[in-house]
Amino acid sequence: MLSQALGRLHCEDMDSRRDAATTDSLGEAIRAILPSLERFLEFEGPDPARERSRWRPALDRPLPAAGIGRDATLAELADLVVANGLRIGHPGFSGWVTTGPSDVAAAADLAQAVAVAQRWWTTAGNFVDHLAMRWLIELLGFPATSVGTFTSGGSTANLVGIGAARQHAGERLGLRPSLDGIDGMVEPTVYASTETHHVVGRALGVLGMGRRNLRSIPVDRSGTIDLDLLQAALDEDLAAGRTQVAVVGCAGDVNAGRVDPLAELARIAHERGIWLHVDGAYGGFGLLDDRVRERYGDVATYDSFAIDPHKWMAAPVGTGAAIVRDEGILGRAFTIETGDYDRERLVDSTSGDGDLGSPFDELGVGTPDWGVDFSMPARGLAVWAILREIGAKGMRERVVRHDDCARKVAERAQASDELELLAEPVLSICCFRFRPVGWTDEERLDALNEKVLLRVRARGRVVTSSTRVDGRFAIRPCFINPRTTLADADALVDEVLAVGRELAAGA
């Protein structure tokens, strides 16, 4: 009797020590912040930067010794954080290469966080993550034998591609780089144009090959990699005994959206037995536009490819992808050993649709041997949801519309006496500037256009970014936003003209 009573007291005591976080009212929590999320997507009211003196002190508090509870926390989340969020989903936003997720993509992200907290094991989320990669490979026209992995973004996707290239180069020398390191690989060198994103150089640093071994090849008059200079660099390094790891092609550089001559790069690389990696983080989806498809060459000749669904596809930020032609090389480059605690990895998880006793009896489809993550979210869930909603047709239409937006800006720049087109658009980026009639001094024009850009942003109707083209300051819209239409491209030009005229008149 005494032991039973003590047992009851022990259970009651344990029940009274539940976790401080609520775990049984998700619906109430979502409903509490949903109105604020919907108001945010109206993109109205003052920009949060103009209100920083109000919301930052309200958030900047010491670590709480005791929490304030669910309701008060959700109120702060709604009123302070959501209400003062980053409006990159606004139809007039064409800055940098980023955007907010579409509605279904955001809902899929929530579903992933709650119901697919791990990409692994036998669940619908695990299968859909695998299916989404198959669909992505098909959408982009890669051979069905290609394999891929979702990553946290283009930076990691490029790292995966360059890592596979390192493995390929080492194995050609009879080495095992992922197992033994790169001793024996003399000055392992990667070749890319000066317009290639800096994450490629960082990948060399992370992979132990050294950033200085990224050989930057100047661009030609078209703004893409100079093939003659590339050939000369390859000949020079071959004669010097350097290990030639990869040629990197750019499928849409982030400055002007230009596409390297990828067919020629594939020919040059493969004639020399060198890996071809293509960085399509921004512009990879551009191959869906038939008007520029030829620039991409045959994707079946790419050895590896990096792309970001969180850009043009409008998946949640943190969704990149790496696609590789040779499954064996990728697996050997990123193999992770099996421990006693994860023996399920040894079970064949591709046997079909049969039922199991538990989802934890198999690791599920896919493998962690194709990338740098082990524990990871099912990033492909949002990609699946996007393609399920709009299909290949909807994705093609989006790309074409955004390319048309860049062409619209270019047409207006060429038709105006007060605007100057600095780079003919290839994809959805257009570089131009305001140039008052009679102004010829380049420093004066740079200073004016910097002011134009800042004033346009401050007005809040549209937001865009800048770059330099042949040393000249350029206003640089990049159209990848699913909410953006041709009317928003027109609005951008109207704003530049209005602000430029105002500033020029007072100069």
Protein backbone atom coordinates (compact mmCIF):
# COMPACT_ATOMS: atom_id res chain seq x y z
CA MET A 1 0.00 0.00 0.00
CA LEU A 2 2.76 2.42 0.97
CA SER A 3 4.68 1.73 -2.27
CA GLN A 4 1.52 2.34 -4.33
CA ALA A 5 0.90 5.63 -2.57
CA LEU A 6 4.48 6.73 -3.11
CA GLY A 7 4.17 5.74 -6.76
CA ARG A 8 1.06 7.89 -7.15
CA LEU A 9 2.79 10.82 -5.49
CA HIS A 10 5.80 10.37 -7.77
CA CYS A 11 3.62 10.39 -10.90
CA GLU A 12 1.72 13.46 -9.71
CA ASP A 13 5.03 15.18 -9.00
CA MET A 14 6.32 14.30 -12.47
CA ASP A 15 3.09 15.59 -14.07
CA SER A 16 3.54 18.92 -12.29
CA ARG A 17 6.95 19.36 -13.91
CA ARG A 18 5.83 19.65 -17.52
CA ASP A 19 7.95 21.66 -19.94
CA ALA A 20 7.54 25.43 -19.75
CA ALA A 21 6.80 25.58 -23.50
CA THR A 22 3.28 24.84 -24.75
CA THR A 23 3.05 21.81 -27.01
CA ASP A 24 -0.71 21.28 -27.25
CA SER A 25 -2.10 24.46 -28.83
CA LEU A 26 -0.47 24.90 -32.23
CA GLY A 27 -3.71 25.98 -33.86
CA GLU A 28 -4.21 28.74 -31.30
CA ALA A 29 -0.61 29.90 -31.75
CA ILE A 30 -0.98 30.11 -35.54
CA ARG A 31 -4.32 31.90 -35.28
CA ALA A 32 -2.74 34.43 -32.94
CA ILE A 33 -0.19 35.59 -35.49
CA LEU A 34 -2.12 34.94 -38.72
CA PRO A 35 -3.81 38.37 -38.88
CA SER A 36 -0.43 40.05 -38.49
CA LEU A 37 1.03 37.91 -41.29
CA GLU A 38 -1.85 38.79 -43.59
CA ARG A 39 -1.49 42.50 -42.80
CA PHE A 40 2.23 42.26 -43.49
CA LEU A 41 1.56 40.87 -46.96
CA GLU A 42 -0.48 43.97 -47.77
CA PHE A 43 2.88 45.82 -47.65
CA GLU A 44 1.30 49.01 -46.36
CA GLY A 45 2.32 51.54 -43.72
CA PRO A 46 5.75 52.92 -42.89
CA ASP A 47 8.85 50.96 -43.76
CA PRO A 48 10.35 49.25 -40.65
CA ALA A 49 13.67 51.06 -41.14
CA ARG A 50 11.86 54.35 -40.51
CA GLU A 51 10.41 52.94 -37.29
CA ARG A 52 13.56 51.40 -35.83
CA SER A 53 13.66 53.80 -32.90
CA ARG A 54 10.31 52.36 -31.82
CA TRP A 55 10.62 48.59 -32.26
CA ARG A 56 14.28 48.00 -31.47
CA PRO A 57 14.20 49.24 -27.84
CA ALA A 58 11.01 47.23 -27.32
CA LEU A 59 12.83 44.05 -28.38
CA ASP A 60 16.27 44.76 -26.91
CA ARG A 61 15.74 43.30 -23.44
CA PRO A 62 17.92 41.26 -21.09
CA LEU A 63 17.68 37.47 -21.10
CA PRO A 64 14.49 36.70 -19.14
CA ALA A 65 14.98 34.73 -15.96
CA ALA A 66 11.44 33.47 -16.35
CA GLY A 67 9.51 33.47 -19.60
CA ILE A 68 6.52 35.73 -20.26
CA GLY A 69 4.37 32.87 -21.49
CA ARG A 70 2.77 31.88 -24.75
CA ASP A 71 0.26 34.66 -25.30
CA ALA A 72 2.59 37.55 -24.48
CA THR A 73 5.34 36.06 -26.66
CA LEU A 74 2.99 35.59 -29.60
CA ALA A 75 1.79 39.18 -29.19
CA GLU A 76 5.38 40.46 -29.41
CA LEU A 77 6.03 38.18 -32.38
CA ALA A 78 3.01 39.61 -34.20
CA ASP A 79 3.23 43.26 -33.19
CA LEU A 80 6.99 43.79 -33.18
CA VAL A 81 8.63 41.18 -35.41
CA VAL A 82 6.11 40.36 -38.13
CA ALA A 83 4.82 43.91 -38.42
CA ASN A 84 8.37 45.15 -38.96
CA GLY A 85 9.51 42.41 -41.32
CA LEU A 86 11.50 42.59 -44.54
CA ARG A 87 9.26 43.36 -47.49
CA ILE A 88 11.13 41.45 -50.18
CA GLY A 89 7.84 39.95 -51.35
CA HIS A 90 6.44 43.37 -52.34
CA PRO A 91 5.57 43.44 -56.07
CA GLY A 92 7.85 46.45 -56.49
CA PHE A 93 10.88 44.73 -54.95
CA SER A 94 13.54 43.87 -57.54
CA GLY A 95 16.65 44.18 -55.41
CA TRP A 96 19.58 41.76 -55.34
CA VAL A 97 18.54 38.14 -56.12
CA THR A 98 16.03 37.40 -53.42
CA THR A 99 12.29 37.31 -52.86
CA GLY A 100 9.66 36.12 -50.42
CA PRO A 101 7.98 32.73 -50.72
CA SER A 102 4.65 32.21 -52.43
CA ASP A 103 1.67 31.29 -50.26
CA VAL A 104 1.80 27.54 -50.80
CA ALA A 105 5.58 27.51 -50.32
CA ALA A 106 5.23 29.28 -46.96
CA ALA A 107 2.51 26.84 -45.90
CA ALA A 108 4.72 23.91 -46.91
CA ASP A 109 7.54 25.39 -44.83
CA LEU A 110 5.27 25.41 -41.78
CA ALA A 111 4.18 21.84 -42.50
CA GLN A 112 7.81 20.81 -42.78
CA ALA A 113 8.72 22.42 -39.45
CA VAL A 114 5.88 20.63 -37.64
CA ALA A 115 5.36 17.32 -39.40
CA VAL A 116 8.69 16.59 -41.12
CA ALA A 117 11.10 17.77 -38.48
CA GLN A 118 13.73 15.42 -39.94
CA ARG A 119 14.18 14.62 -43.61
CA TRP A 120 14.95 10.98 -42.77
CA TRP A 121 12.95 7.83 -41.95
CA THR A 122 9.90 6.42 -43.64
CA THR A 123 7.36 9.22 -43.87
CA ALA A 124 5.46 10.94 -46.66
CA GLY A 125 7.69 13.98 -46.13
CA ASN A 126 10.81 11.91 -46.75
CA PHE A 127 9.36 10.49 -49.96
CA VAL A 128 8.14 13.90 -51.18
CA ASP A 129 11.59 15.40 -50.55
CA HIS A 130 13.06 12.69 -52.78
CA LEU A 131 10.29 13.12 -55.37
CA ALA A 132 10.84 16.88 -55.50
CA MET A 133 14.46 16.35 -56.55
CA ARG A 134 13.34 13.96 -59.30
CA TRP A 135 10.88 16.59 -60.52
CA LEU A 136 13.52 19.33 -60.38
CA ILE A 137 15.92 17.21 -62.42
CA GLU A 138 13.18 16.57 -64.98
CA LEU A 139 12.07 20.21 -65.08
CA LEU A 140 15.60 21.38 -65.89
CA GLY A 141 16.15 18.68 -68.50
CA PHE A 142 18.93 16.71 -66.80
CA PRO A 143 19.24 12.97 -67.49
CA ALA A 144 17.09 10.84 -65.20
CA THR A 145 20.29 9.10 -64.03
CA SER A 146 21.48 12.34 -62.41
CA VAL A 147 21.29 12.60 -58.64
CA GLY A 148 20.82 15.58 -56.40
CA THR A 149 20.58 16.87 -52.87
CA PHE A 150 18.83 19.84 -51.38
CA THR A 151 21.12 22.25 -49.57
CA SER A 152 20.85 25.40 -47.48
CA GLY A 153 21.52 27.58 -50.53
CA GLY A 154 23.74 28.22 -53.51
CA SER A 155 26.84 28.57 -51.38
CA THR A 156 26.54 24.98 -50.15
CA ALA A 157 25.34 23.72 -53.53
CA ASN A 158 28.49 25.09 -55.15
CA LEU A 159 30.55 23.55 -52.34
CA VAL A 160 29.00 20.15 -53.10
CA GLY A 161 29.75 20.49 -56.82
CA ILE A 162 33.35 21.60 -56.26
CA GLY A 163 33.76 18.84 -53.66
CA ALA A 164 32.73 16.26 -56.25
CA ALA A 165 35.15 17.86 -58.72
CA ARG A 166 37.97 17.55 -56.19
CA GLN A 167 37.17 13.85 -55.77
CA HIS A 168 37.17 13.37 -59.54
CA ALA A 169 40.52 15.12 -59.97
CA GLY A 170 42.08 13.14 -57.15
CA GLU A 171 40.84 9.79 -58.41
CA ARG A 172 42.35 10.53 -61.83
CA LEU A 173 45.68 10.63 -60.00
CA GLY A 174 44.95 7.43 -58.06
CA LEU A 175 44.19 9.38 -54.86
CA ARG A 176 41.28 9.40 -52.41
CA PRO A 177 40.88 13.07 -51.43
CA SER A 178 37.86 12.69 -49.17
CA LEU A 179 39.59 9.96 -47.21
CA ASP A 180 43.28 10.86 -47.30
CA GLY A 181 43.30 14.61 -48.02
CA ILE A 182 44.76 16.44 -50.99
CA ASP A 183 48.44 15.56 -50.58
CA GLY A 184 49.60 14.64 -54.05
CA MET A 185 47.29 17.11 -55.75
CA VAL A 186 49.77 19.81 -56.78
CA GLU A 187 48.22 23.28 -56.56
CA PRO A 188 44.66 22.06 -57.19
CA THR A 189 43.25 24.74 -59.48
CA VAL A 190 39.71 25.79 -60.42
CA TYR A 191 39.03 28.10 -63.38
CA ALA A 192 36.19 30.62 -63.47
CA SER A 193 35.48 34.05 -64.90
CA THR A 194 35.99 37.24 -62.92
CA GLU A 195 32.17 37.52 -62.76
CA THR A 196 31.79 34.23 -60.87
CA HIS A 197 30.25 34.56 -57.42
CA HIS A 198 32.76 34.67 -54.55
CA VAL A 199 31.22 31.57 -52.91
CA VAL A 200 33.17 29.48 -55.43
CA GLY A 201 36.45 30.78 -54.03
CA ARG A 202 35.23 30.15 -50.51
CA ALA A 203 34.41 26.55 -51.47
CA LEU A 204 38.06 26.04 -52.39
CA GLY A 205 39.05 27.37 -48.98
CA VAL A 206 36.64 25.09 -47.13
CA LEU A 207 37.71 22.06 -49.18
CA GLY A 208 41.37 22.62 -48.38
CA MET A 209 42.44 23.59 -51.90
CA GLY A 210 43.02 27.23 -51.04
CA ARG A 211 41.27 30.34 -52.31
CA ARG A 212 44.40 31.45 -54.15
CA ASN A 213 43.99 28.42 -56.42
CA LEU A 214 40.87 29.88 -57.97
CA ARG A 215 42.20 31.19 -61.27
CA SER A 216 40.04 34.10 -62.39
CA ILE A 217 39.75 34.43 -66.16
CA PRO A 218 38.85 37.88 -67.57
CA VAL A 219 35.66 38.29 -69.57
CA ASP A 220 35.49 39.15 -73.25
CA ARG A 221 33.54 41.97 -74.88
CA SER A 222 30.27 40.08 -74.33
CA GLY A 223 30.89 40.05 -70.57
CA THR A 224 31.35 36.27 -70.39
CA ILE A 225 34.46 34.17 -69.82
CA ASP A 226 37.13 34.68 -72.48
CA LEU A 227 37.63 31.24 -74.00
CA ASP A 228 41.02 32.04 -75.52
CA LEU A 229 42.37 33.23 -72.17
CA LEU A 230 40.92 30.15 -70.50
CA GLN A 231 42.65 27.85 -72.97
CA ALA A 232 45.93 29.68 -72.43
CA ALA A 233 45.61 29.37 -68.63
CA LEU A 234 44.82 25.65 -68.91
CA ASP A 235 47.85 25.08 -71.18
CA GLU A 236 50.11 27.03 -68.83
CA ASP A 237 49.00 25.15 -65.72
CA LEU A 238 49.18 21.77 -67.43
CA ALA A 239 52.78 22.47 -68.39
CA ALA A 240 53.51 23.57 -64.81
CA GLY A 241 52.14 20.31 -63.40
CA ARG A 242 49.22 21.84 -61.53
CA THR A 243 46.19 19.65 -60.77
CA GLN A 244 43.30 20.93 -62.85
CA VAL A 245 40.19 20.33 -60.77
CA ALA A 246 37.28 22.09 -62.47
CA VAL A 247 36.12 24.65 -64.96
CA VAL A 248 33.23 26.67 -63.55
CA GLY A 249 30.64 28.12 -65.92
CA CYS A 250 28.20 30.81 -64.93
CA ALA A 251 24.54 30.29 -65.85
CA GLY A 252 23.50 33.85 -65.10
CA ASP A 253 25.96 36.00 -63.17
CA VAL A 254 24.46 38.10 -60.40
CA ASN A 255 25.78 41.40 -61.75
CA ALA A 256 24.16 41.43 -65.17
CA GLY A 257 22.61 38.00 -65.68
CA ARG A 258 24.97 36.92 -68.45
CA VAL A 259 25.39 33.23 -69.33
CA ASP A 260 28.83 31.87 -70.15
CA PRO A 261 29.21 29.87 -73.41
CA LEU A 262 28.46 26.65 -71.58
CA ALA A 263 28.56 24.35 -74.62
CA GLU A 264 32.10 25.52 -75.38
CA LEU A 265 33.12 25.22 -71.74
CA ALA A 266 31.83 21.63 -71.69
CA ARG A 267 33.83 20.80 -74.82
CA ILE A 268 37.03 22.39 -73.49
CA ALA A 269 36.75 20.79 -70.06
CA HIS A 270 35.92 17.31 -71.26
CA GLU A 271 38.55 17.24 -74.00
CA ARG A 272 41.04 17.77 -71.18
CA GLY A 273 39.38 15.38 -68.72
CA ILE A 274 38.42 18.22 -66.36
CA TRP A 275 35.17 18.46 -64.39
CA LEU A 276 32.61 21.05 -65.54
CA HIS A 277 30.67 22.69 -62.72
CA VAL A 278 27.93 25.20 -63.56
CA ASP A 279 26.76 27.81 -61.09
CA GLY A 280 23.10 28.46 -61.86
CA ALA A 281 22.12 29.61 -58.37
CA TYR A 282 20.35 32.64 -59.80
CA GLY A 283 19.99 32.01 -63.52
CA GLY A 284 19.61 28.25 -63.74
CA PHE A 285 15.85 28.45 -64.21
CA GLY A 286 16.48 30.80 -67.14
CA LEU A 287 16.86 27.78 -69.40
CA LEU A 288 13.06 27.44 -69.20
CA ASP A 289 12.80 30.49 -71.49
CA ASP A 290 13.10 29.17 -75.04
CA ARG A 291 14.47 32.53 -76.21
CA VAL A 292 17.72 31.95 -74.31
CA ARG A 293 17.71 28.15 -73.96
CA GLU A 294 20.49 27.71 -76.53
CA ARG A 295 22.93 29.65 -74.34
CA TYR A 296 22.87 26.83 -71.77
CA GLY A 297 24.08 24.13 -74.14
CA ASP A 298 23.30 20.51 -73.28
CA VAL A 299 22.75 20.15 -69.53
CA ALA A 300 23.63 16.47 -69.85
CA THR A 301 27.25 17.61 -70.34
CA TYR A 302 27.37 19.35 -66.95
CA ASP A 303 29.19 17.29 -64.34
CA SER A 304 27.58 19.26 -61.52
CA PHE A 305 25.09 22.10 -61.22
CA ALA A 306 24.09 24.48 -58.42
CA ILE A 307 20.67 26.13 -58.32
CA ASP A 308 18.58 27.97 -55.73
CA PRO A 309 14.84 27.22 -55.62
CA HIS A 310 14.63 29.97 -53.00
CA LYS A 311 15.36 32.48 -55.74
CA TRP A 312 13.32 32.26 -58.95
CA MET A 313 11.13 29.41 -57.69
CA ALA A 314 10.19 31.46 -54.57
CA ALA A 315 10.73 28.63 -52.10
CA PRO A 316 11.54 29.69 -48.52
CA VAL A 317 15.05 31.04 -48.04
CA GLY A 318 17.37 28.17 -47.17
CA THR A 319 16.46 26.01 -50.18
CA GLY A 320 19.30 25.31 -52.58
CA ALA A 321 20.08 22.25 -54.68
CA ALA A 322 23.09 20.48 -56.16
CA ILE A 323 22.68 18.12 -59.12
CA VAL A 324 25.54 15.78 -60.09
CA ARG A 325 25.90 13.48 -63.09
CA ASP A 326 28.01 10.77 -61.43
CA GLU A 327 26.40 9.31 -58.33
CA GLY A 328 29.50 7.29 -57.44
CA ILE A 329 31.86 10.27 -57.36
CA LEU A 330 29.40 12.33 -55.33
CA GLY A 331 28.93 9.51 -52.84
CA ARG A 332 32.66 8.97 -52.43
CA ALA A 333 33.23 12.71 -51.99
CA PHE A 334 30.77 13.06 -49.11
CA THR A 335 30.48 9.59 -47.57
CA ILE A 336 29.61 9.65 -43.89
CA GLU A 337 30.46 6.57 -41.87
CA THR A 338 27.80 4.46 -40.16
CA GLY A 339 27.79 4.08 -36.38
CA ASP A 340 26.08 1.55 -34.13
CA TYR A 341 23.40 4.14 -33.40
CA ASP A 342 22.24 4.49 -37.03
CA ARG A 343 22.18 0.91 -38.30
CA GLU A 344 18.96 1.71 -40.20
CA ARG A 345 21.24 3.29 -42.80
CA LEU A 346 22.32 -0.23 -43.77
CA VAL A 347 18.74 -1.24 -44.66
CA ASP A 348 17.67 -1.01 -48.30
CA SER A 349 15.03 1.73 -48.27
CA THR A 350 14.14 1.55 -51.97
CA SER A 351 12.12 -1.67 -51.88
CA GLY A 352 8.77 -0.11 -52.78
CA ASP A 353 5.41 0.62 -51.20
CA GLY A 354 5.21 -2.15 -48.62
CA ASP A 355 4.22 -1.38 -45.05
CA LEU A 356 6.60 -1.37 -42.09
CA GLY A 357 6.18 -1.96 -38.40
CA SER A 358 7.57 1.51 -37.62
CA PRO A 359 8.81 4.51 -39.64
CA PHE A 360 12.12 4.11 -37.81
CA ASP A 361 12.85 0.66 -39.25
CA GLU A 362 14.37 2.27 -42.34
CA LEU A 363 16.20 5.55 -42.88
CA GLY A 364 13.90 6.31 -45.82
CA VAL A 365 14.79 7.14 -49.41
CA GLY A 366 17.83 9.25 -50.17
CA THR A 367 21.22 9.31 -48.52
CA PRO A 368 23.28 11.75 -46.44
CA ASP A 369 26.31 10.70 -48.53
CA TRP A 370 25.54 13.31 -51.19
CA GLY A 371 26.10 16.51 -49.23
CA VAL A 372 27.40 18.14 -46.07
CA ASP A 373 24.29 17.79 -43.87
CA PHE A 374 23.14 14.81 -41.87
CA SER A 375 20.35 16.13 -39.69
CA MET A 376 18.39 18.31 -42.08
CA PRO A 377 14.88 19.53 -42.86
CA ALA A 378 12.94 18.23 -45.83
CA ARG A 379 13.75 21.28 -47.94
CA GLY A 380 12.24 19.62 -50.99
CA LEU A 381 8.77 19.73 -49.45
CA ALA A 382 8.31 23.35 -50.53
CA VAL A 383 9.71 22.59 -54.00
CA TRP A 384 7.20 19.74 -54.35
CA ALA A 385 4.35 22.01 -53.22
CA ILE A 386 5.32 24.77 -55.66
CA LEU A 387 5.50 22.39 -58.63
CA ARG A 388 2.31 20.65 -57.55
CA GLU A 389 0.55 24.03 -57.49
CA ILE A 390 1.83 25.66 -60.72
CA GLY A 391 3.50 22.81 -62.62
CA ALA A 392 6.26 23.12 -65.18
CA LYS A 393 4.04 25.42 -67.24
CA GLY A 394 3.61 27.91 -64.40
CA MET A 395 7.33 27.96 -63.72
CA ARG A 396 8.12 28.60 -67.39
CA GLU A 397 5.56 31.39 -67.54
CA ARG A 398 7.10 33.05 -64.48
CA VAL A 399 10.59 32.99 -65.94
CA VAL A 400 9.41 34.37 -69.27
CA ARG A 401 7.41 37.13 -67.54
CA HIS A 402 10.40 38.20 -65.48
CA ASP A 403 12.70 38.14 -68.49
CA ASP A 404 10.10 40.33 -70.19
CA CYS A 405 10.26 42.73 -67.24
CA ALA A 406 14.00 43.22 -67.83
CA ARG A 407 13.37 43.71 -71.53
CA LYS A 408 10.67 46.25 -70.75
CA VAL A 409 13.14 48.30 -68.67
CA ALA A 410 15.71 48.05 -71.46
CA GLU A 411 13.20 49.19 -74.09
CA ARG A 412 12.21 52.20 -72.04
CA ALA A 413 15.84 53.07 -71.33
CA GLN A 414 16.67 52.96 -75.02
CA ALA A 415 13.61 55.04 -75.92
CA SER A 416 14.31 57.80 -73.36
CA ASP A 417 16.70 60.73 -73.76
CA GLU A 418 17.20 60.70 -69.97
CA LEU A 419 18.09 57.05 -69.49
CA GLU A 420 21.03 54.95 -70.63
CA LEU A 421 21.12 51.17 -70.99
CA LEU A 422 24.44 49.91 -69.63
CA ALA A 423 24.00 46.19 -70.28
CA GLU A 424 21.58 44.48 -72.63
CA PRO A 425 19.49 42.02 -70.55
CA VAL A 426 19.96 38.31 -71.12
CA LEU A 427 17.75 37.02 -68.31
CA SER A 428 15.77 39.03 -65.74
CA ILE A 429 18.44 41.59 -64.80
CA CYS A 430 18.70 44.97 -66.53
CA CYS A 431 21.46 47.49 -65.80
CA PHE A 432 20.73 51.13 -66.65
CA ARG A 433 21.13 54.64 -65.26
CA PHE A 434 19.58 58.08 -65.27
CA ARG A 435 21.53 60.42 -67.55
CA PRO A 436 20.30 64.01 -67.92
CA VAL A 437 20.71 65.49 -71.36
CA GLY A 438 24.14 67.09 -71.69
CA TRP A 439 25.73 65.33 -68.67
CA THR A 440 29.02 63.65 -69.63
CA ASP A 441 31.17 63.62 -66.48
CA GLU A 442 31.27 60.02 -65.21
CA GLU A 443 31.93 60.86 -61.56
CA ARG A 444 29.05 63.29 -61.57
CA LEU A 445 26.77 60.70 -63.15
CA ASP A 446 27.82 58.05 -60.61
CA ALA A 447 27.10 60.40 -57.72
CA LEU A 448 23.73 61.35 -59.17
CA ASN A 449 22.63 57.77 -59.71
CA GLU A 450 23.66 56.72 -56.21
CA LYS A 451 21.37 59.47 -54.92
CA VAL A 452 18.62 58.41 -57.31
CA LEU A 453 18.80 54.84 -56.00
CA LEU A 454 18.62 55.87 -52.35
CA ARG A 455 15.79 58.33 -52.97
CA VAL A 456 13.79 55.77 -54.95
CA ARG A 457 14.10 53.28 -52.09
CA ALA A 458 13.10 55.88 -49.53
CA ARG A 459 9.93 56.71 -51.47
CA GLY A 460 8.85 53.11 -50.96
CA ARG A 461 6.97 52.44 -54.17
CA VAL A 462 9.75 50.22 -55.56
CA VAL A 463 13.03 48.88 -54.19
CA THR A 464 15.97 47.90 -56.35
CA SER A 465 19.75 47.46 -56.12
CA SER A 466 22.92 48.54 -57.90
CA THR A 467 26.14 47.28 -59.44
CA ARG A 468 28.91 48.59 -61.67
CA VAL A 469 29.11 47.93 -65.39
CA ASP A 470 32.45 48.77 -67.00
CA GLY A 471 33.21 50.91 -63.95
CA ARG A 472 29.97 52.89 -64.14
CA PHE A 473 27.38 52.95 -61.36
CA ALA A 474 24.25 51.14 -62.57
CA ILE A 475 20.74 50.79 -61.22
CA ARG A 476 20.15 47.05 -61.35
CA PRO A 477 16.68 45.52 -60.99
CA CYS A 478 16.54 41.73 -60.82
CA PHE A 479 13.05 40.38 -61.45
CA ILE A 480 12.36 37.03 -59.75
CA ASN A 481 9.43 37.99 -57.49
CA PRO A 482 6.28 35.90 -58.14
CA ARG A 483 4.14 38.98 -57.39
CA THR A 484 5.95 41.20 -59.92
CA THR A 485 4.35 42.03 -63.28
CA LEU A 486 5.25 44.22 -66.26
CA ALA A 487 3.39 47.06 -64.55
CA ASP A 488 5.91 46.92 -61.70
CA ALA A 489 8.79 47.13 -64.19
CA ASP A 490 7.16 50.24 -65.65
CA ALA A 491 6.71 51.65 -62.15
CA LEU A 492 10.43 51.24 -61.49
CA VAL A 493 11.36 53.23 -64.58
CA ASP A 494 8.77 55.90 -63.70
CA GLU A 495 10.27 56.27 -60.24
CA VAL A 496 13.82 56.57 -61.57
CA LEU A 497 12.73 59.24 -64.02
CA ALA A 498 10.75 61.20 -61.43
CA VAL A 499 13.51 61.14 -58.82
CA GLY A 500 16.27 61.71 -61.37
CA ARG A 501 14.60 64.78 -62.77
CA GLU A 502 14.04 66.18 -59.31
CA LEU A 503 17.66 65.66 -58.27
CA ALA A 504 19.12 66.87 -61.57
CA ALA A 505 17.08 70.07 -61.38
CA GLY A 506 18.59 70.86 -58.01
CA ALA A 507 22.13 69.91 -58.91
